[in-house]
Amino acid sequence: TFSSNDMAWFRHVPGKEREFVAAINWSGRVSDYADAVKGRFTIS
């Protein structure tokens, strides 16, 4: 059931560590963003 899952986006560049981008909780009421993308990216 999709609504039971927290969801997130990560990104990876060869030679670098995978990094967190954005996340949203199961209900969509709480979200979080990496500082590098705040104000530019929106998770929904």
PDB file of all heavy atoms in Angstrom:
ATOM      1  N   THR A   1       0.841  -1.191   0.000  1.00  0.00           N
ATOM      2  CA  THR A   1       0.000   0.000   0.000  1.00  0.00           C
ATOM      3  C   THR A   1       0.875   1.240   0.000  1.00  0.00           C
ATOM      4  O   THR A   1       1.669   1.459   0.911  1.00  0.00           O
ATOM      5  CB  THR A   1      -0.923   0.010   1.216  1.00  0.00           C
ATOM      6  OG1 THR A   1      -1.744  -1.164   1.209  1.00  0.00           O
ATOM      7  CG2 THR A   1      -1.813   1.240   1.208  1.00  0.00           C
ATOM      8  N   PHE A   2       0.731   2.061  -1.035  1.00  0.00           N
ATOM      9  CA  PHE A   2       1.600   3.212  -1.216  1.00  0.00           C
ATOM     10  C   PHE A   2       1.503   4.192  -0.060  1.00  0.00           C
ATOM     11  O   PHE A   2       2.511   4.769   0.358  1.00  0.00           O
ATOM     12  CB  PHE A   2       1.266   3.899  -2.541  1.00  0.00           C
ATOM     13  CG  PHE A   2       2.106   5.095  -2.844  1.00  0.00           C
ATOM     14  CD1 PHE A   2       3.439   4.957  -3.181  1.00  0.00           C
ATOM     15  CD2 PHE A   2       1.561   6.369  -2.804  1.00  0.00           C
ATOM     16  CE1 PHE A   2       4.218   6.061  -3.478  1.00  0.00           C
ATOM     17  CE2 PHE A   2       2.331   7.483  -3.103  1.00  0.00           C
ATOM     18  CZ  PHE A   2       3.662   7.327  -3.437  1.00  0.00           C
ATOM     19  N   SER A   3       0.320   4.393   0.450  1.00  0.00           N
ATOM     20  CA  SER A   3       0.115   5.397   1.488  1.00  0.00           C
ATOM     21  C   SER A   3       0.801   5.053   2.804  1.00  0.00           C
ATOM     22  O   SER A   3       0.905   5.915   3.683  1.00  0.00           O
ATOM     23  CB  SER A   3      -1.377   5.622   1.728  1.00  0.00           C
ATOM     24  OG  SER A   3      -2.010   4.431   2.163  1.00  0.00           O
ATOM     25  N   SER A   4       1.282   3.837   2.957  1.00  0.00           N
ATOM     26  CA  SER A   4       1.980   3.444   4.178  1.00  0.00           C
ATOM     27  C   SER A   4       3.473   3.731   4.125  1.00  0.00           C
ATOM     28  O   SER A   4       4.174   3.535   5.122  1.00  0.00           O
ATOM     29  CB  SER A   4       1.767   1.959   4.466  1.00  0.00           C
ATOM     30  OG  SER A   4       2.414   1.152   3.499  1.00  0.00           O
ATOM     31  N   ASN A   5       3.977   4.200   2.988  1.00  0.00           N
ATOM     32  CA  ASN A   5       5.410   4.356   2.777  1.00  0.00           C
ATOM     33  C   ASN A   5       5.855   5.808   2.799  1.00  0.00           C
ATOM     34  O   ASN A   5       5.260   6.657   2.133  1.00  0.00           O
ATOM     35  CB  ASN A   5       5.820   3.757   1.437  1.00  0.00           C
ATOM     36  CG  ASN A   5       5.534   2.278   1.334  1.00  0.00           C
ATOM     37  OD1 ASN A   5       5.609   1.554   2.322  1.00  0.00           O
ATOM     38  ND2 ASN A   5       5.223   1.826   0.129  1.00  0.00           N
ATOM     39  N   ASP A   6       6.920   6.077   3.549  1.00  0.00           N
ATOM     40  CA  ASP A   6       7.654   7.325   3.362  1.00  0.00           C
ATOM     41  C   ASP A   6       8.443   7.202   2.056  1.00  0.00           C
ATOM     42  O   ASP A   6       8.920   6.123   1.701  1.00  0.00           O
ATOM     43  CB  ASP A   6       8.613   7.577   4.511  1.00  0.00           C
ATOM     44  CG  ASP A   6       7.906   7.798   5.835  1.00  0.00           C
ATOM     45  OD1 ASP A   6       6.716   8.176   5.826  1.00  0.00           O
ATOM     46  OD2 ASP A   6       8.543   7.599   6.882  1.00  0.00           O
ATOM     47  N   MET A   7       8.595   8.309   1.334  1.00  0.00           N
ATOM     48  CA  MET A   7       9.251   8.291   0.035  1.00  0.00           C
ATOM     49  C   MET A   7      10.342   9.348  -0.023  1.00  0.00           C
ATOM     50  O   MET A   7      10.263  10.378   0.651  1.00  0.00           O
ATOM     51  CB  MET A   7       8.235   8.549  -1.086  1.00  0.00           C
ATOM     52  CG  MET A   7       7.065   7.586  -1.129  1.00  0.00           C
ATOM     53  SD  MET A   7       7.555   5.905  -1.610  1.00  0.00           S
ATOM     54  CE  MET A   7       8.102   6.190  -3.301  1.00  0.00           C
ATOM     55  N   ALA A   8      11.345   9.101  -0.857  1.00  0.00           N
ATOM     56  CA  ALA A   8      12.456  10.037  -0.954  1.00  0.00           C
ATOM     57  C   ALA A   8      13.101   9.967  -2.328  1.00  0.00           C
ATOM     58  O   ALA A   8      12.916   8.998  -3.081  1.00  0.00           O
ATOM     59  CB  ALA A   8      13.501   9.750   0.122  1.00  0.00           C
ATOM     60  N   TRP A   9      13.864  11.006  -2.641  1.00  0.00           N
ATOM     61  CA  TRP A   9      14.720  11.051  -3.811  1.00  0.00           C
ATOM     62  C   TRP A   9      16.162  11.221  -3.362  1.00  0.00           C
ATOM     63  O   TRP A   9      16.462  12.045  -2.492  1.00  0.00           O
ATOM     64  CB  TRP A   9      14.345  12.201  -4.744  1.00  0.00           C
ATOM     65  CG  TRP A   9      13.039  12.029  -5.449  1.00  0.00           C
ATOM     66  CD1 TRP A   9      11.821  12.493  -5.058  1.00  0.00           C
ATOM     67  CD2 TRP A   9      12.833  11.345  -6.694  1.00  0.00           C
ATOM     68  NE1 TRP A   9      10.861  12.137  -5.982  1.00  0.00           N
ATOM     69  CE2 TRP A   9      11.458  11.436  -6.991  1.00  0.00           C
ATOM     70  CE3 TRP A   9      13.668  10.675  -7.582  1.00  0.00           C
ATOM     71  CZ2 TRP A   9      10.907  10.872  -8.145  1.00  0.00           C
ATOM     72  CZ3 TRP A   9      13.120  10.110  -8.724  1.00  0.00           C
ATOM     73  CH2 TRP A   9      11.756  10.215  -8.990  1.00  0.00           C
ATOM     74  N   PHE A  10      17.042  10.437  -3.962  1.00  0.00           N
ATOM     75  CA  PHE A  10      18.477  10.552  -3.778  1.00  0.00           C
ATOM     76  C   PHE A  10      19.120  10.703  -5.148  1.00  0.00           C
ATOM     77  O   PHE A  10      18.509  10.404  -6.171  1.00  0.00           O
ATOM     78  CB  PHE A  10      19.042   9.318  -3.071  1.00  0.00           C
ATOM     79  CG  PHE A  10      18.585   9.165  -1.644  1.00  0.00           C
ATOM     80  CD1 PHE A  10      17.347   8.632  -1.349  1.00  0.00           C
ATOM     81  CD2 PHE A  10      19.402   9.553  -0.600  1.00  0.00           C
ATOM     82  CE1 PHE A  10      16.917   8.489  -0.042  1.00  0.00           C
ATOM     83  CE2 PHE A  10      18.993   9.412   0.712  1.00  0.00           C
ATOM     84  CZ  PHE A  10      17.751   8.885   0.996  1.00  0.00           C
ATOM     85  N   ARG A  11      20.368  11.152  -5.170  1.00  0.00           N
ATOM     86  CA  ARG A  11      21.089  11.240  -6.432  1.00  0.00           C
ATOM     87  C   ARG A  11      22.528  10.784  -6.259  1.00  0.00           C
ATOM     88  O   ARG A  11      23.090  10.835  -5.167  1.00  0.00           O
ATOM     89  CB  ARG A  11      21.043  12.663  -7.009  1.00  0.00           C
ATOM     90  CG  ARG A  11      21.735  13.726  -6.167  1.00  0.00           C
ATOM     91  CD  ARG A  11      21.416  15.112  -6.730  1.00  0.00           C
ATOM     92  NE  ARG A  11      22.114  16.163  -6.011  1.00  0.00           N
ATOM     93  CZ  ARG A  11      21.913  17.464  -6.210  1.00  0.00           C
ATOM     94  NH1 ARG A  11      21.031  17.865  -7.124  1.00  0.00           N
ATOM     95  NH2 ARG A  11      22.605  18.361  -5.507  1.00  0.00           N
ATOM     96  N   HIS A  12      23.107  10.319  -7.371  1.00  0.00           N
ATOM     97  CA  HIS A  12      24.453   9.782  -7.329  1.00  0.00           C
ATOM     98  C   HIS A  12      25.232  10.192  -8.565  1.00  0.00           C
ATOM     99  O   HIS A  12      24.721  10.130  -9.683  1.00  0.00           O
ATOM    100  CB  HIS A  12      24.413   8.252  -7.228  1.00  0.00           C
ATOM    101  CG  HIS A  12      25.768   7.631  -7.193  1.00  0.00           C
ATOM    102  ND1 HIS A  12      26.274   6.889  -8.240  1.00  0.00           N
ATOM    103  CD2 HIS A  12      26.738   7.667  -6.246  1.00  0.00           C
ATOM    104  CE1 HIS A  12      27.482   6.483  -7.934  1.00  0.00           C
ATOM    105  NE2 HIS A  12      27.781   6.943  -6.729  1.00  0.00           N
ATOM    106  N   VAL A  13      26.460  10.627  -8.338  1.00  0.00           N
ATOM    107  CA  VAL A  13      27.406  10.961  -9.401  1.00  0.00           C
ATOM    108  C   VAL A  13      28.572   9.986  -9.300  1.00  0.00           C
ATOM    109  O   VAL A  13      29.074   9.747  -8.194  1.00  0.00           O
ATOM    110  CB  VAL A  13      27.914  12.409  -9.263  1.00  0.00           C
ATOM    111  CG1 VAL A  13      28.964  12.715 -10.327  1.00  0.00           C
ATOM    112  CG2 VAL A  13      26.760  13.389  -9.354  1.00  0.00           C
ATOM    113  N   PRO A  14      29.037   9.413 -10.414  1.00  0.00           N
ATOM    114  CA  PRO A  14      30.177   8.505 -10.345  1.00  0.00           C
ATOM    115  C   PRO A  14      31.364   9.141  -9.642  1.00  0.00           C
ATOM    116  O   PRO A  14      31.719  10.290  -9.916  1.00  0.00           O
ATOM    117  CB  PRO A  14      30.488   8.223 -11.816  1.00  0.00           C
ATOM    118  CG  PRO A  14      29.169   8.374 -12.497  1.00  0.00           C
ATOM    119  CD  PRO A  14      28.493   9.509 -11.783  1.00  0.00           C
ATOM    120  N   GLY A  15      31.967   8.398  -8.720  1.00  0.00           N
ATOM    121  CA  GLY A  15      33.102   8.894  -7.974  1.00  0.00           C
ATOM    122  C   GLY A  15      32.741   9.665  -6.721  1.00  0.00           C
ATOM    123  O   GLY A  15      33.639  10.063  -5.970  1.00  0.00           O
ATOM    124  N   LYS A  16      31.458   9.890  -6.479  1.00  0.00           N
ATOM    125  CA  LYS A  16      30.999  10.596  -5.298  1.00  0.00           C
ATOM    126  C   LYS A  16      29.985   9.742  -4.550  1.00  0.00           C
ATOM    127  O   LYS A  16      29.446   8.778  -5.086  1.00  0.00           O
ATOM    128  CB  LYS A  16      30.371  11.938  -5.667  1.00  0.00           C
ATOM    129  CG  LYS A  16      31.309  12.905  -6.354  1.00  0.00           C
ATOM    130  CD  LYS A  16      30.623  14.225  -6.662  1.00  0.00           C
ATOM    131  CE  LYS A  16      30.258  14.969  -5.387  1.00  0.00           C
ATOM    132  NZ  LYS A  16      29.653  16.300  -5.681  1.00  0.00           N
ATOM    133  N   GLU A  17      29.739  10.106  -3.303  1.00  0.00           N
ATOM    134  CA  GLU A  17      28.772   9.385  -2.493  1.00  0.00           C
ATOM    135  C   GLU A  17      27.345   9.746  -2.909  1.00  0.00           C
ATOM    136  O   GLU A  17      27.075  10.852  -3.362  1.00  0.00           O
ATOM    137  CB  GLU A  17      28.966   9.709  -1.008  1.00  0.00           C
ATOM    138  CG  GLU A  17      30.303   9.290  -0.442  1.00  0.00           C
ATOM    139  CD  GLU A  17      30.439   9.634   1.029  1.00  0.00           C
ATOM    140  OE1 GLU A  17      29.411   9.791   1.698  1.00  0.00           O
ATOM    141  OE2 GLU A  17      31.584   9.740   1.491  1.00  0.00           O
ATOM    142  N   ARG A  18      26.458   8.780  -2.742  1.00  0.00           N
ATOM    143  CA  ARG A  18      25.042   9.046  -2.944  1.00  0.00           C
ATOM    144  C   ARG A  18      24.583  10.104  -1.943  1.00  0.00           C
ATOM    145  O   ARG A  18      24.953  10.060  -0.768  1.00  0.00           O
ATOM    146  CB  ARG A  18      24.248   7.754  -2.760  1.00  0.00           C
ATOM    147  CG  ARG A  18      22.741   7.900  -2.929  1.00  0.00           C
ATOM    148  CD  ARG A  18      22.061   6.568  -2.705  1.00  0.00           C
ATOM    149  NE  ARG A  18      22.334   6.050  -1.377  1.00  0.00           N
ATOM    150  CZ  ARG A  18      22.037   4.826  -0.980  1.00  0.00           C
ATOM    151  NH1 ARG A  18      21.460   3.977  -1.818  1.00  0.00           N
ATOM    152  NH2 ARG A  18      22.326   4.444   0.260  1.00  0.00           N
ATOM    153  N   GLU A  19      23.783  11.050  -2.387  1.00  0.00           N
ATOM    154  CA  GLU A  19      23.346  12.108  -1.497  1.00  0.00           C
ATOM    155  C   GLU A  19      21.825  12.241  -1.469  1.00  0.00           C
ATOM    156  O   GLU A  19      21.137  12.021  -2.465  1.00  0.00           O
ATOM    157  CB  GLU A  19      23.981  13.452  -1.869  1.00  0.00           C
ATOM    158  CG  GLU A  19      23.550  14.023  -3.200  1.00  0.00           C
ATOM    159  CD  GLU A  19      24.102  15.416  -3.445  1.00  0.00           C
ATOM    160  OE1 GLU A  19      24.281  16.175  -2.467  1.00  0.00           O
ATOM    161  OE2 GLU A  19      24.366  15.752  -4.619  1.00  0.00           O
ATOM    162  N   PHE A  20      21.345  12.617  -0.318  1.00  0.00           N
ATOM    163  CA  PHE A  20      19.930  12.873  -0.111  1.00  0.00           C
ATOM    164  C   PHE A  20      19.500  14.119  -0.861  1.00  0.00           C
ATOM    165  O   PHE A  20      20.225  15.116  -0.891  1.00  0.00           O
ATOM    166  CB  PHE A  20      19.667  13.037   1.387  1.00  0.00           C
ATOM    167  CG  PHE A  20      18.314  13.573   1.721  1.00  0.00           C
ATOM    168  CD1 PHE A  20      17.196  12.757   1.666  1.00  0.00           C
ATOM    169  CD2 PHE A  20      18.152  14.892   2.101  1.00  0.00           C
ATOM    170  CE1 PHE A  20      15.941  13.244   1.985  1.00  0.00           C
ATOM    171  CE2 PHE A  20      16.906  15.390   2.419  1.00  0.00           C
ATOM    172  CZ  PHE A  20      15.802  14.565   2.360  1.00  0.00           C
ATOM    173  N   VAL A  21      18.328  14.076  -1.463  1.00  0.00           N
ATOM    174  CA  VAL A  21      17.783  15.222  -2.180  1.00  0.00           C
ATOM    175  C   VAL A  21      16.526  15.748  -1.498  1.00  0.00           C
ATOM    176  O   VAL A  21      16.449  16.913  -1.114  1.00  0.00           O
ATOM    177  CB  VAL A  21      17.475  14.876  -3.646  1.00  0.00           C
ATOM    178  CG1 VAL A  21      16.819  16.060  -4.351  1.00  0.00           C
ATOM    179  CG2 VAL A  21      18.741  14.460  -4.373  1.00  0.00           C
ATOM    180  N   ALA A  22      15.528  14.890  -1.345  1.00  0.00           N
ATOM    181  CA  ALA A  22      14.256  15.310  -0.768  1.00  0.00           C
ATOM    182  C   ALA A  22      13.497  14.092  -0.286  1.00  0.00           C
ATOM    183  O   ALA A  22      13.705  12.981  -0.768  1.00  0.00           O
ATOM    184  CB  ALA A  22      13.416  16.078  -1.797  1.00  0.00           C
ATOM    185  N   ALA A  23      12.592  14.297   0.671  1.00  0.00           N
ATOM    186  CA  ALA A  23      11.778  13.210   1.195  1.00  0.00           C
ATOM    187  C   ALA A  23      10.411  13.735   1.586  1.00  0.00           C
ATOM    188  O   ALA A  23      10.240  14.923   1.872  1.00  0.00           O
ATOM    189  CB  ALA A  23      12.452  12.550   2.395  1.00  0.00           C
ATOM    190  N   ILE A  24       9.449  12.835   1.629  1.00  0.00           N
ATOM    191  CA  ILE A  24       8.089  13.175   2.018  1.00  0.00           C
ATOM    192  C   ILE A  24       7.500  12.004   2.790  1.00  0.00           C
ATOM    193  O   ILE A  24       7.711  10.848   2.438  1.00  0.00           O
ATOM    194  CB  ILE A  24       7.242  13.538   0.773  1.00  0.00           C
ATOM    195  CG1 ILE A  24       5.883  14.105   1.176  1.00  0.00           C
ATOM    196  CG2 ILE A  24       7.094  12.339  -0.156  1.00  0.00           C
ATOM    197  CD1 ILE A  24       5.169  14.785   0.009  1.00  0.00           C
ATOM    198  N   ASN A  25       6.796  12.299   3.866  1.00  0.00           N
ATOM    199  CA  ASN A  25       6.281  11.218   4.692  1.00  0.00           C
ATOM    200  C   ASN A  25       5.049  10.580   4.060  1.00  0.00           C
ATOM    201  O   ASN A  25       4.547  11.026   3.027  1.00  0.00           O
ATOM    202  CB  ASN A  25       6.012  11.707   6.118  1.00  0.00           C
ATOM    203  CG  ASN A  25       4.683  12.424   6.264  1.00  0.00           C
ATOM    204  OD1 ASN A  25       4.211  13.096   5.357  1.00  0.00           O
ATOM    205  ND2 ASN A  25       4.066  12.266   7.435  1.00  0.00           N
ATOM    206  N   TRP A  26       4.560   9.539   4.711  1.00  0.00           N
ATOM    207  CA  TRP A  26       3.507   8.714   4.115  1.00  0.00           C
ATOM    208  C   TRP A  26       2.238   9.490   3.786  1.00  0.00           C
ATOM    209  O   TRP A  26       1.545   9.175   2.810  1.00  0.00           O
ATOM    210  CB  TRP A  26       3.168   7.542   5.039  1.00  0.00           C
ATOM    211  CG  TRP A  26       2.574   7.963   6.359  1.00  0.00           C
ATOM    212  CD1 TRP A  26       3.245   8.252   7.503  1.00  0.00           C
ATOM    213  CD2 TRP A  26       1.191   8.143   6.653  1.00  0.00           C
ATOM    214  NE1 TRP A  26       2.370   8.605   8.498  1.00  0.00           N
ATOM    215  CE2 TRP A  26       1.099   8.543   8.010  1.00  0.00           C
ATOM    216  CE3 TRP A  26       0.016   7.996   5.919  1.00  0.00           C
ATOM    217  CZ2 TRP A  26      -0.124   8.809   8.625  1.00  0.00           C
ATOM    218  CZ3 TRP A  26      -1.207   8.258   6.540  1.00  0.00           C
ATOM    219  CH2 TRP A  26      -1.261   8.655   7.873  1.00  0.00           C
ATOM    220  N   SER A  27       1.922  10.499   4.587  1.00  0.00           N
ATOM    221  CA  SER A  27       0.695  11.256   4.388  1.00  0.00           C
ATOM    222  C   SER A  27       0.882  12.467   3.473  1.00  0.00           C
ATOM    223  O   SER A  27      -0.105  13.063   3.046  1.00  0.00           O
ATOM    224  CB  SER A  27       0.149  11.725   5.727  1.00  0.00           C
ATOM    225  OG  SER A  27       0.985  12.716   6.304  1.00  0.00           O
ATOM    226  N   GLY A  28       2.142  12.840   3.194  1.00  0.00           N
ATOM    227  CA  GLY A  28       2.422  14.029   2.426  1.00  0.00           C
ATOM    228  C   GLY A  28       2.426  15.298   3.248  1.00  0.00           C
ATOM    229  O   GLY A  28       2.596  16.390   2.693  1.00  0.00           O
ATOM    230  N   ARG A  29       2.264  15.185   4.551  1.00  0.00           N
ATOM    231  CA  ARG A  29       2.174  16.359   5.415  1.00  0.00           C
ATOM    232  C   ARG A  29       3.531  16.888   5.864  1.00  0.00           C
ATOM    233  O   ARG A  29       3.620  18.031   6.315  1.00  0.00           O
ATOM    234  CB  ARG A  29       1.329  16.021   6.648  1.00  0.00           C
ATOM    235  CG  ARG A  29      -0.129  15.718   6.333  1.00  0.00           C
ATOM    236  CD  ARG A  29      -0.830  15.091   7.520  1.00  0.00           C
ATOM    237  NE  ARG A  29      -0.773  15.917   8.707  1.00  0.00           N
ATOM    238  CZ  ARG A  29      -1.101  15.497   9.931  1.00  0.00           C
ATOM    239  NH1 ARG A  29      -1.506  14.250  10.118  1.00  0.00           N
ATOM    240  NH2 ARG A  29      -1.015  16.324  10.956  1.00  0.00           N
ATOM    241  N   VAL A  30       4.577  16.069   5.755  1.00  0.00           N
ATOM    242  CA  VAL A  30       5.918  16.458   6.185  1.00  0.00           C
ATOM    243  C   VAL A  30       6.891  16.202   5.050  1.00  0.00           C
ATOM    244  O   VAL A  30       6.866  15.136   4.431  1.00  0.00           O
ATOM    245  CB  VAL A  30       6.357  15.680   7.433  1.00  0.00           C
ATOM    246  CG1 VAL A  30       7.761  16.107   7.857  1.00  0.00           C
ATOM    247  CG2 VAL A  30       5.371  15.887   8.572  1.00  0.00           C
ATOM    248  N   SER A  31       7.766  17.159   4.774  1.00  0.00           N
ATOM    249  CA  SER A  31       8.783  16.995   3.754  1.00  0.00           C
ATOM    250  C   SER A  31      10.104  17.564   4.243  1.00  0.00           C
ATOM    251  O   SER A  31      10.157  18.342   5.197  1.00  0.00           O
ATOM    252  CB  SER A  31       8.364  17.658   2.442  1.00  0.00           C
ATOM    253  OG  SER A  31       8.163  19.048   2.615  1.00  0.00           O
ATOM    254  N   ASP A  32      11.185  17.171   3.572  1.00  0.00           N
ATOM    255  CA  ASP A  32      12.511  17.641   3.925  1.00  0.00           C
ATOM    256  C   ASP A  32      13.338  17.744   2.648  1.00  0.00           C
ATOM    257  O   ASP A  32      13.113  16.987   1.695  1.00  0.00           O
ATOM    258  CB  ASP A  32      13.177  16.690   4.922  1.00  0.00           C
ATOM    259  CG  ASP A  32      14.422  17.278   5.562  1.00  0.00           C
ATOM    260  OD1 ASP A  32      14.568  18.513   5.569  1.00  0.00           O
ATOM    261  OD2 ASP A  32      15.249  16.493   6.072  1.00  0.00           O
ATOM    262  N   TYR A  33      14.297  18.674   2.641  1.00  0.00           N
ATOM    263  CA  TYR A  33      15.125  18.904   1.467  1.00  0.00           C
ATOM    264  C   TYR A  33      16.573  19.102   1.860  1.00  0.00           C
ATOM    265  O   TYR A  33      16.875  19.645   2.931  1.00  0.00           O
ATOM    266  CB  TYR A  33      14.670  20.156   0.717  1.00  0.00           C
ATOM    267  CG  TYR A  33      13.264  20.084   0.171  1.00  0.00           C
ATOM    268  CD1 TYR A  33      12.177  20.517   0.926  1.00  0.00           C
ATOM    269  CD2 TYR A  33      13.024  19.589  -1.101  1.00  0.00           C
ATOM    270  CE1 TYR A  33      10.892  20.446   0.426  1.00  0.00           C
ATOM    271  CE2 TYR A  33      11.739  19.517  -1.610  1.00  0.00           C
ATOM    272  CZ  TYR A  33      10.675  19.949  -0.840  1.00  0.00           C
ATOM    273  OH  TYR A  33       9.394  19.886  -1.340  1.00  0.00           O
ATOM    274  N   ALA A  34      17.461  18.675   0.976  1.00  0.00           N
ATOM    275  CA  ALA A  34      18.864  19.015   1.138  1.00  0.00           C
ATOM    276  C   ALA A  34      19.044  20.513   0.927  1.00  0.00           C
ATOM    277  O   ALA A  34      18.332  21.131   0.128  1.00  0.00           O
ATOM    278  CB  ALA A  34      19.718  18.244   0.133  1.00  0.00           C
ATOM    279  N   ASP A  35      20.000  21.094   1.644  1.00  0.00           N
ATOM    280  CA  ASP A  35      20.231  22.528   1.515  1.00  0.00           C
ATOM    281  C   ASP A  35      20.523  22.937   0.075  1.00  0.00           C
ATOM    282  O   ASP A  35      20.134  24.023  -0.362  1.00  0.00           O
ATOM    283  CB  ASP A  35      21.393  22.958   2.414  1.00  0.00           C
ATOM    284  CG  ASP A  35      21.037  22.938   3.887  1.00  0.00           C
ATOM    285  OD1 ASP A  35      19.837  22.920   4.221  1.00  0.00           O
ATOM    286  OD2 ASP A  35      21.965  22.955   4.710  1.00  0.00           O
ATOM    287  N   ALA A  36      21.192  22.075  -0.669  1.00  0.00           N
ATOM    288  CA  ALA A  36      21.583  22.400  -2.035  1.00  0.00           C
ATOM    289  C   ALA A  36      20.404  22.580  -2.978  1.00  0.00           C
ATOM    290  O   ALA A  36      20.551  23.202  -4.033  1.00  0.00           O
ATOM    291  CB  ALA A  36      22.520  21.322  -2.579  1.00  0.00           C
ATOM    292  N   VAL A  37      19.234  22.046  -2.620  1.00  0.00           N
ATOM    293  CA  VAL A  37      18.088  22.115  -3.521  1.00  0.00           C
ATOM    294  C   VAL A  37      16.921  22.900  -2.948  1.00  0.00           C
ATOM    295  O   VAL A  37      15.914  23.096  -3.648  1.00  0.00           O
ATOM    296  CB  VAL A  37      17.612  20.708  -3.933  1.00  0.00           C
ATOM    297  CG1 VAL A  37      18.763  19.896  -4.510  1.00  0.00           C
ATOM    298  CG2 VAL A  37      16.978  19.975  -2.753  1.00  0.00           C
ATOM    299  N   LYS A  38      17.015  23.365  -1.722  1.00  0.00           N
ATOM    300  CA  LYS A  38      15.925  24.117  -1.113  1.00  0.00           C
ATOM    301  C   LYS A  38      15.604  25.359  -1.938  1.00  0.00           C
ATOM    302  O   LYS A  38      16.488  26.087  -2.365  1.00  0.00           O
ATOM    303  CB  LYS A  38      16.281  24.525   0.319  1.00  0.00           C
ATOM    304  CG  LYS A  38      16.207  23.396   1.319  1.00  0.00           C
ATOM    305  CD  LYS A  38      16.526  23.881   2.723  1.00  0.00           C
ATOM    306  CE  LYS A  38      16.412  22.752   3.730  1.00  0.00           C
ATOM    307  NZ  LYS A  38      16.758  23.196   5.101  1.00  0.00           N
ATOM    308  N   GLY A  39      14.325  25.578  -2.155  1.00  0.00           N
ATOM    309  CA  GLY A  39      13.877  26.711  -2.940  1.00  0.00           C
ATOM    310  C   GLY A  39      13.832  26.449  -4.426  1.00  0.00           C
ATOM    311  O   GLY A  39      13.264  27.253  -5.178  1.00  0.00           O
ATOM    312  N   ARG A  40      14.428  25.344  -4.875  1.00  0.00           N
ATOM    313  CA  ARG A  40      14.443  25.013  -6.294  1.00  0.00           C
ATOM    314  C   ARG A  40      13.666  23.735  -6.605  1.00  0.00           C
ATOM    315  O   ARG A  40      13.042  23.637  -7.656  1.00  0.00           O
ATOM    316  CB  ARG A  40      15.880  24.849  -6.798  1.00  0.00           C
ATOM    317  CG  ARG A  40      16.721  26.111  -6.646  1.00  0.00           C
ATOM    318  CD  ARG A  40      18.072  25.965  -7.346  1.00  0.00           C
ATOM    319  NE  ARG A  40      18.870  24.887  -6.764  1.00  0.00           N
ATOM    320  CZ  ARG A  40      19.292  23.819  -7.435  1.00  0.00           C
ATOM    321  NH1 ARG A  40      18.996  23.679  -8.725  1.00  0.00           N
ATOM    322  NH2 ARG A  40      20.022  22.895  -6.829  1.00  0.00           N
ATOM    323  N   PHE A  41      13.727  22.758  -5.706  1.00  0.00           N
ATOM    324  CA  PHE A  41      13.059  21.476  -5.913  1.00  0.00           C
ATOM    325  C   PHE A  41      11.845  21.365  -5.000  1.00  0.00           C
ATOM    326  O   PHE A  41      11.844  21.888  -3.878  1.00  0.00           O
ATOM    327  CB  PHE A  41      13.995  20.314  -5.598  1.00  0.00           C
ATOM    328  CG  PHE A  41      15.148  20.132  -6.550  1.00  0.00           C
ATOM    329  CD1 PHE A  41      15.443  21.078  -7.525  1.00  0.00           C
ATOM    330  CD2 PHE A  41      15.941  18.999  -6.458  1.00  0.00           C
ATOM    331  CE1 PHE A  41      16.508  20.907  -8.396  1.00  0.00           C
ATOM    332  CE2 PHE A  41      17.008  18.813  -7.323  1.00  0.00           C
ATOM    333  CZ  PHE A  41      17.294  19.762  -8.288  1.00  0.00           C
ATOM    334  N   THR A  42      10.826  20.651  -5.463  1.00  0.00           N
ATOM    335  CA  THR A  42       9.637  20.389  -4.672  1.00  0.00           C
ATOM    336  C   THR A  42       9.256  18.919  -4.797  1.00  0.00           C
ATOM    337  O   THR A  42       9.089  18.418  -5.910  1.00  0.00           O
ATOM    338  CB  THR A  42       8.454  21.256  -5.116  1.00  0.00           C
ATOM    339  OG1 THR A  42       8.799  22.642  -5.017  1.00  0.00           O
ATOM    340  CG2 THR A  42       7.238  20.992  -4.228  1.00  0.00           C
ATOM    341  N   ILE A  43       9.123  18.245  -3.668  1.00  0.00           N
ATOM    342  CA  ILE A  43       8.664  16.864  -3.668  1.00  0.00           C
ATOM    343  C   ILE A  43       7.179  16.841  -3.324  1.00  0.00           C
ATOM    344  O   ILE A  43       6.707  17.611  -2.478  1.00  0.00           O
ATOM    345  CB  ILE A  43       9.478  15.997  -2.679  1.00  0.00           C
ATOM    346  CG1 ILE A  43       9.122  14.513  -2.838  1.00  0.00           C
ATOM    347  CG2 ILE A  43       9.291  16.456  -1.242  1.00  0.00           C
ATOM    348  CD1 ILE A  43      10.058  13.577  -2.076  1.00  0.00           C
ATOM    349  N   SER A  44       6.446  15.979  -3.990  1.00  0.00           N
ATOM    350  CA  SER A  44       5.023  15.840  -3.733  1.00  0.00           C
ATOM    351  C   SER A  44       4.615  14.402  -4.002  1.00  0.00           C
ATOM    352  O   SER A  44       5.374  13.631  -4.590  1.00  0.00           O
ATOM    353  CB  SER A  44       4.203  16.807  -4.592  1.00  0.00           C
ATOM    354  OG  SER A  44       4.388  16.536  -5.975  1.00  0.00           O
TER     355      SER A  44
END
